[in-house]
């Protein structure tokens, strides 16, 4: 009988981890050691990659980013700012037998879940990639389920035969105005566009410039993706997108644009050129993201992609529940005080 063990990977085992991620149906660029290490470093988190071994063979795993807010809570999360997916990865099973495949995955999930529980974290939040759909090993054991959405577009066929009429019209308009789309990497330009994008929503980016630029540097130096820009006939960059790629999927990781050029169709042209570009490569699909925000969904759905759910699970300990409840009540009190002050109420 195979001996199963879950333990934290050591630095010398990261090559084996990346090989597991590359071959796993759940593995994404966001699971790779390069991405995880940079995210942890930039956000001042502690990275632990749990590996599940069967007779010394790495058969699955789960990365965790650890933090200690208020110096009171032990928090473990698989996702973070600008890291949309994490969670469980399982080595691809060769069997075509559904029962054997489920048994193989269940053993990995149960082993990792039990290890996490033994660590007695106050709060655990795992956001799995779209390739991991079976969360029953968690929900049957008291974990709460969360559902998220993304848009997947098969990277084949004629794009113009698939997208909506409105999207086609926007693309034609951009071309008439002399707007072009090309691959061009400029981190400072991307930050400026990002700031402009959030200013239109009367807010600031939820991440720091340092964090964004550190990940952009990793993307470029580790060859994890590309930056594409839409440029006017006068040479002004008015929109940009960052694509992060793994062997299976090109992920539309981030997008930004200048508000005064939204009516030109530049963003539609840019995305259409990116999709066409990746359709000619080895990627089987383009992950357009944007499924969890209505404003983004309205734009992305114009390319007629498939809406795909992906799943998270969370587990809260009593200390987290108490502190989180107190924090929420304090926010409510602050909100009511602010509201009264703003309306001149006594």
Protein backbone atom coordinates (compact mmCIF):
# COMPACT_ATOMS: atom_id res chain seq x y z
CA UNK A 1 0.00 0.00 0.00
CA UNK A 2 1.38 3.42 -0.99
CA UNK A 3 2.58 5.65 1.85
CA UNK A 4 1.14 9.18 1.62
CA UNK A 5 2.87 12.17 3.16
CA UNK A 6 2.19 15.93 3.01
CA UNK A 7 5.02 18.32 3.83
CA UNK A 8 6.39 21.71 2.86
CA UNK A 9 8.65 21.62 -0.17
CA UNK A 10 12.27 22.67 0.20
CA UNK A 11 14.00 25.05 -2.22
CA UNK A 12 15.69 22.15 -4.02
CA UNK A 13 12.31 20.63 -4.85
CA UNK A 14 10.87 23.61 -6.75
CA UNK A 15 11.85 22.16 -10.13
CA UNK A 16 9.75 19.09 -9.36
CA UNK A 17 6.91 21.40 -8.29
CA UNK A 18 7.01 23.33 -11.56
CA UNK A 19 6.99 20.07 -13.51
CA UNK A 20 3.91 18.96 -11.55
CA UNK A 21 2.18 22.29 -12.29
CA UNK A 22 3.00 22.08 -16.00
CA UNK A 23 1.49 18.61 -16.29
CA UNK A 24 -1.53 19.10 -14.03
CA UNK A 25 -4.99 19.96 -15.42
CA UNK A 26 -5.28 22.47 -12.57
CA UNK A 27 -1.84 24.03 -12.96
CA UNK A 28 -1.52 27.63 -14.14
CA UNK A 29 1.25 30.20 -14.47
CA UNK A 30 0.07 31.52 -11.10
CA UNK A 31 1.06 28.21 -9.47
CA UNK A 32 4.66 28.35 -10.68
CA UNK A 33 7.44 28.86 -8.17
CA UNK A 34 8.63 32.04 -9.91
CA UNK A 35 5.20 33.66 -9.61
CA UNK A 36 4.63 32.48 -6.04
CA UNK A 37 8.03 33.60 -4.78
CA UNK A 38 7.69 37.06 -6.29
CA UNK A 39 4.16 37.50 -4.96
CA UNK A 40 5.19 36.44 -1.46
CA UNK A 41 8.24 38.71 -1.48
CA UNK A 42 6.37 41.75 -2.80
CA UNK A 43 3.47 41.39 -0.33
CA UNK A 44 5.67 40.44 2.62
CA UNK A 45 4.02 37.04 2.98
CA UNK A 46 5.57 33.71 3.90
CA UNK A 47 5.31 31.17 1.10
CA UNK A 48 4.71 27.52 1.91
CA UNK A 49 4.18 25.04 -0.91
CA UNK A 50 2.62 21.87 0.41
CA UNK A 51 3.53 18.75 -1.53
CA UNK A 52 1.60 15.50 -1.39
CA UNK A 53 3.89 12.50 -1.84
CA UNK A 54 2.99 8.89 -2.47
CA UNK A 55 6.03 6.67 -1.92
CA UNK A 56 8.30 9.69 -2.54
CA UNK A 57 6.52 10.64 -5.78
CA UNK A 58 5.03 14.16 -5.87
CA UNK A 59 1.38 13.62 -6.82
CA UNK A 60 -0.20 16.94 -5.86
CA UNK A 61 0.12 20.05 -3.81
CA UNK A 62 -1.18 23.43 -2.72
CA UNK A 63 0.68 26.74 -2.30
CA UNK A 64 -0.14 28.88 0.73
CA UNK A 65 0.69 32.52 1.41
CA UNK A 66 0.85 33.03 5.17
CA UNK A 67 0.22 36.25 7.06
CA UNK A 68 -0.29 37.33 10.65
CA UNK A 69 -2.64 40.36 10.77
CA UNK A 70 -2.85 42.21 14.08
CA UNK A 71 -0.24 39.69 15.27
CA UNK A 72 -3.22 37.72 16.47
CA UNK A 73 -4.33 35.62 13.54
CA UNK A 74 -2.70 32.89 11.47
CA UNK A 75 -4.04 33.35 7.94
CA UNK A 76 -3.35 31.04 4.98
CA UNK A 77 -4.46 31.98 1.48
CA UNK A 78 -3.86 30.57 -1.99
CA UNK A 79 -4.65 33.83 -3.80
CA UNK A 80 -3.50 37.42 -3.34
CA UNK A 81 -3.47 40.79 -5.06
CA UNK A 82 -2.83 40.19 -8.79
CA UNK A 83 -2.70 36.43 -8.20
CA UNK A 84 -6.18 35.24 -9.19
CA UNK A 85 -5.74 31.48 -8.83
CA UNK A 86 -3.97 29.07 -6.54
CA UNK A 87 -5.28 26.10 -4.64
CA UNK A 88 -5.01 22.41 -5.33
CA UNK A 89 -3.05 20.85 -8.17
CA UNK A 90 -3.09 17.12 -8.84
CA UNK A 91 -0.83 15.15 -11.14
CA UNK A 92 -2.64 14.17 -14.33
CA UNK A 93 -4.14 10.67 -14.13
CA UNK A 94 -3.59 8.41 -17.12
CA UNK A 95 -6.65 6.27 -16.45
CA UNK A 96 -9.86 6.87 -18.41
CA UNK A 97 -11.83 5.34 -15.55
CA UNK A 98 -13.77 8.06 -13.72
CA UNK A 99 -13.73 6.19 -10.43
CA UNK A 100 -9.95 5.78 -10.51
CA UNK A 101 -9.43 9.42 -11.44
CA UNK A 102 -11.67 10.58 -8.60
CA UNK A 103 -9.98 8.21 -6.14
CA UNK A 104 -6.58 9.57 -7.19
CA UNK A 105 -7.66 13.20 -6.72
CA UNK A 106 -9.57 12.49 -3.51
CA UNK A 107 -6.50 11.04 -1.84
CA UNK A 108 -4.48 14.16 -2.63
CA UNK A 109 -7.25 16.53 -1.52
CA UNK A 110 -7.95 14.67 1.71
CA UNK A 111 -4.27 14.50 2.62
CA UNK A 112 -3.67 18.21 2.00
CA UNK A 113 -6.93 19.22 3.71
CA UNK A 114 -6.11 17.23 6.83
CA UNK A 115 -2.59 18.66 6.95
CA UNK A 116 -3.95 22.22 6.73
CA UNK A 117 -6.46 21.54 9.51
CA UNK A 118 -3.69 20.18 11.76
CA UNK A 119 -1.80 23.46 11.33
CA UNK A 120 -4.68 25.18 13.16
CA UNK A 121 -4.87 28.31 11.03
CA UNK A 122 -7.43 30.86 12.15
CA UNK A 123 -8.59 31.36 8.57
CA UNK A 124 -7.89 29.52 5.32
CA UNK A 125 -8.97 30.78 1.91
CA UNK A 126 -8.27 28.64 -1.17
CA UNK A 127 -9.26 29.95 -4.61
CA UNK A 128 -8.80 27.09 -7.05
CA UNK A 129 -8.18 27.43 -10.76
CA UNK A 130 -10.95 26.71 -13.29
CA UNK A 131 -9.39 23.27 -13.81
CA UNK A 132 -10.32 22.16 -10.28
CA UNK A 133 -14.07 21.63 -10.00
CA UNK A 134 -14.52 18.91 -7.37
CA UNK A 135 -14.48 20.60 -3.96
CA UNK A 136 -16.56 17.92 -2.23
CA UNK A 137 -13.53 16.78 -0.23
CA UNK A 138 -13.69 20.16 1.50
CA UNK A 139 -17.42 20.89 1.69
CA UNK A 140 -18.22 17.47 3.14
CA UNK A 141 -15.90 18.31 5.99
CA UNK A 142 -17.31 21.66 7.07
CA UNK A 143 -15.55 24.06 4.68
CA UNK A 144 -17.62 26.79 3.05
CA UNK A 145 -17.84 26.94 -0.74
CA UNK A 146 -17.51 30.06 -2.88
CA UNK A 147 -18.25 30.36 -6.59
CA UNK A 148 -16.44 32.67 -9.00
CA UNK A 149 -16.70 33.12 -12.77
CA UNK A 150 -14.40 33.67 -15.69
CA UNK A 151 -14.77 33.75 -19.47
CA UNK A 152 -12.98 31.19 -21.62
CA UNK A 153 -12.58 31.54 -25.38
CA UNK A 154 -11.38 28.54 -27.40
CA UNK A 155 -8.26 29.55 -29.32
CA UNK A 156 -9.44 28.23 -32.66
CA UNK A 157 -11.73 29.18 -35.52
CA UNK A 158 -12.51 32.58 -36.99
CA UNK A 159 -12.85 35.20 -34.27
CA UNK A 160 -15.02 37.51 -36.37
CA UNK A 161 -17.57 34.75 -36.93
CA UNK A 162 -17.87 34.35 -33.15
CA UNK A 163 -17.98 37.86 -31.69
CA UNK A 164 -21.04 40.11 -31.51
CA UNK A 165 -21.95 42.75 -34.06
CA UNK A 166 -21.24 45.56 -31.59
CA UNK A 167 -17.74 44.24 -30.97
CA UNK A 168 -17.10 43.98 -34.71
CA UNK A 169 -18.30 47.55 -35.22
CA UNK A 170 -15.96 48.80 -32.49
CA UNK A 171 -13.02 47.04 -34.10
CA UNK A 172 -13.83 48.48 -37.54
CA UNK A 173 -14.11 51.96 -36.01
CA UNK A 174 -10.70 51.70 -34.38
CA UNK A 175 -9.11 50.65 -37.65
CA UNK A 176 -10.73 53.54 -39.52
CA UNK A 177 -9.23 55.90 -36.94
CA UNK A 178 -5.77 54.47 -37.61
CA UNK A 179 -5.40 52.69 -34.25
CA UNK A 180 -3.05 49.71 -34.26
CA UNK A 181 -2.23 46.97 -31.77
CA UNK A 182 1.28 45.61 -31.22
CA UNK A 183 3.32 43.77 -28.62
CA UNK A 184 5.28 46.29 -26.56
CA UNK A 185 6.49 46.01 -22.96
CA UNK A 186 6.73 49.20 -20.90
CA UNK A 187 6.03 48.89 -17.17
CA UNK A 188 5.90 52.63 -16.48
CA UNK A 189 3.37 53.19 -19.27
CA UNK A 190 1.26 50.38 -17.90
CA UNK A 191 1.26 51.87 -14.40
CA UNK A 192 0.17 55.27 -15.74
CA UNK A 193 -2.71 53.66 -17.65
CA UNK A 194 -3.68 51.70 -14.53
CA UNK A 195 -3.85 54.86 -12.42
CA UNK A 196 -6.00 56.53 -15.09
CA UNK A 197 -8.34 53.53 -15.18
CA UNK A 198 -8.99 53.63 -11.42
CA UNK A 199 -9.29 57.41 -11.35
CA UNK A 200 -12.29 57.09 -13.67
CA UNK A 201 -13.90 55.01 -10.93
CA UNK A 202 -12.94 57.62 -8.30
CA UNK A 203 -10.56 55.21 -6.60
CA UNK A 204 -6.93 54.18 -6.43
CA UNK A 205 -5.39 50.88 -7.53
CA UNK A 206 -5.82 48.28 -4.75
CA UNK A 207 -2.17 47.31 -5.22
CA UNK A 208 0.99 49.39 -4.99
CA UNK A 209 3.12 50.47 -7.92
CA UNK A 210 5.97 48.46 -6.40
CA UNK A 211 3.89 45.28 -6.34
CA UNK A 212 2.65 45.68 -9.91
CA UNK A 213 6.08 46.50 -11.30
CA UNK A 214 7.69 43.60 -9.45
CA UNK A 215 5.27 41.17 -11.10
CA UNK A 216 5.71 42.82 -14.50
CA UNK A 217 9.46 42.35 -14.08
CA UNK A 218 8.93 38.67 -13.28
CA UNK A 219 6.65 38.23 -16.29
CA UNK A 220 9.27 39.67 -18.59
CA UNK A 221 12.41 38.13 -17.09
CA UNK A 222 10.89 34.66 -16.66
CA UNK A 223 9.14 34.77 -20.05
CA UNK A 224 5.72 34.26 -18.44
CA UNK A 225 3.74 36.55 -20.72
CA UNK A 226 3.47 39.60 -22.95
CA UNK A 227 2.29 43.20 -22.90
CA UNK A 228 0.24 44.51 -25.83
CA UNK A 229 -0.68 48.12 -26.52
CA UNK A 230 -3.15 50.03 -28.71
CA UNK A 231 -1.57 53.09 -30.31
CA UNK A 232 -3.19 56.01 -32.16
CA UNK A 233 -1.97 57.25 -35.53
CA UNK A 234 -0.09 59.99 -33.65
CA UNK A 235 1.81 57.42 -31.57
CA UNK A 236 -0.08 57.78 -28.27
CA UNK A 237 -0.57 54.56 -26.27
CA UNK A 238 -4.21 54.57 -25.20
CA UNK A 239 -4.77 51.02 -23.95
CA UNK A 240 -2.71 48.06 -22.83
CA UNK A 241 -3.17 44.47 -21.71
CA UNK A 242 -0.92 42.01 -19.93
CA UNK A 243 -1.22 38.36 -20.92
CA UNK A 244 0.22 35.70 -18.61
CA UNK A 245 0.74 32.35 -20.30
CA UNK A 246 1.20 28.72 -19.40
CA UNK A 247 1.26 25.67 -21.65
CA UNK A 248 -2.52 25.42 -21.85
CA UNK A 249 -3.96 28.90 -21.51
CA UNK A 250 -3.22 32.56 -22.19
CA UNK A 251 -4.66 34.50 -19.24
CA UNK A 252 -5.84 38.10 -19.71
CA UNK A 253 -4.26 39.06 -16.42
CA UNK A 254 -4.70 42.82 -16.44
CA UNK A 255 -5.98 45.60 -18.71
CA UNK A 256 -5.89 49.41 -18.53
CA UNK A 257 -6.79 52.32 -20.80
CA UNK A 258 -7.22 56.08 -21.12
CA UNK A 259 -10.83 57.12 -20.53
CA UNK A 260 -10.92 59.74 -23.28
CA UNK A 261 -10.25 57.07 -25.92
CA UNK A 262 -12.83 54.47 -24.85
CA UNK A 263 -15.23 55.51 -27.62
CA UNK A 264 -12.61 54.86 -30.32
CA UNK A 265 -12.89 51.09 -30.12
CA UNK A 266 -9.21 50.82 -29.18
CA UNK A 267 -9.83 48.31 -26.39
CA UNK A 268 -11.89 46.04 -28.65
CA UNK A 269 -9.28 46.14 -31.40
CA UNK A 270 -6.51 45.42 -28.91
CA UNK A 271 -8.23 42.39 -27.43
CA UNK A 272 -9.18 41.01 -30.85
CA UNK A 273 -5.56 41.23 -32.02
CA UNK A 274 -4.36 39.51 -28.86
CA UNK A 275 -6.86 36.67 -29.25
CA UNK A 276 -5.89 36.21 -32.90
CA UNK A 277 -2.23 36.16 -31.92
CA UNK A 278 -2.67 33.43 -29.32
CA UNK A 279 -5.00 31.41 -31.53
CA UNK A 280 -1.98 30.83 -33.76
CA UNK A 281 0.07 29.43 -30.90
CA UNK A 282 -0.08 26.25 -28.82
CA UNK A 283 -2.61 27.59 -26.28
CA UNK A 284 -5.91 25.73 -26.35
CA UNK A 285 -7.87 28.65 -24.87
CA UNK A 286 -7.73 32.30 -23.89
CA UNK A 287 -8.92 33.13 -20.38
CA UNK A 288 -10.56 36.54 -20.74
CA UNK A 289 -11.31 36.81 -17.00
CA UNK A 290 -13.69 39.62 -15.99
CA UNK A 291 -16.53 37.32 -14.91
CA UNK A 292 -16.84 38.66 -11.36
CA UNK A 293 -17.46 42.34 -12.14
CA UNK A 294 -20.51 43.49 -14.09
CA UNK A 295 -18.65 46.33 -15.81
CA UNK A 296 -15.92 44.03 -17.10
CA UNK A 297 -18.38 41.27 -18.01
CA UNK A 298 -20.31 43.64 -20.28
CA UNK A 299 -17.17 44.23 -22.36
CA UNK A 300 -15.72 40.72 -22.35
CA UNK A 301 -19.01 38.98 -23.17
CA UNK A 302 -19.07 40.86 -26.48
CA UNK A 303 -16.47 38.38 -27.70
CA UNK A 304 -18.97 35.57 -27.09
CA UNK A 305 -16.82 33.43 -24.77
CA UNK A 306 -17.96 30.58 -22.55
CA UNK A 307 -18.86 31.51 -18.97
CA UNK A 308 -16.96 29.10 -16.71
CA UNK A 309 -17.29 28.78 -12.93
CA UNK A 310 -14.37 28.14 -10.63
CA UNK A 311 -14.49 27.41 -6.94
CA UNK A 312 -13.03 28.50 -3.66
CA UNK A 313 -13.28 27.06 -0.17
CA UNK A 314 -12.73 28.68 3.20
CA UNK A 315 -12.45 27.57 6.78
CA UNK A 316 -12.81 29.94 9.74
CA UNK A 317 -11.68 29.28 13.29
CA UNK A 318 -13.45 30.77 16.34
CA UNK A 319 -10.81 33.46 16.95
CA UNK A 320 -11.08 34.72 13.36
CA UNK A 321 -14.88 34.77 13.55
CA UNK A 322 -14.81 36.85 16.76
CA UNK A 323 -12.22 39.38 15.56
CA UNK A 324 -13.78 39.65 12.10
CA UNK A 325 -17.21 40.20 13.64
CA UNK A 326 -15.88 42.96 15.90
CA UNK A 327 -14.09 44.57 12.96
CA UNK A 328 -17.26 44.56 10.84
CA UNK A 329 -19.28 46.11 13.67
CA UNK A 330 -16.69 48.87 14.08
CA UNK A 331 -16.84 49.58 10.35
CA UNK A 332 -20.63 49.82 10.62
CA UNK A 333 -20.38 52.32 13.46
CA UNK A 334 -17.83 54.40 11.54
CA UNK A 335 -20.04 54.33 8.46
CA UNK A 336 -23.08 55.55 10.42
CA UNK A 337 -21.10 58.35 12.07
CA UNK A 338 -19.71 59.45 8.70
CA UNK A 339 -23.18 59.33 7.15
CA UNK A 340 -24.64 61.52 9.89
CA UNK A 341 -21.78 64.01 9.64
CA UNK A 342 -22.25 64.22 5.89
CA UNK A 343 -25.98 64.91 6.12
CA UNK A 344 -25.73 67.35 9.03
CA UNK A 345 -27.83 65.08 11.25
CA UNK A 346 -27.59 65.72 15.00
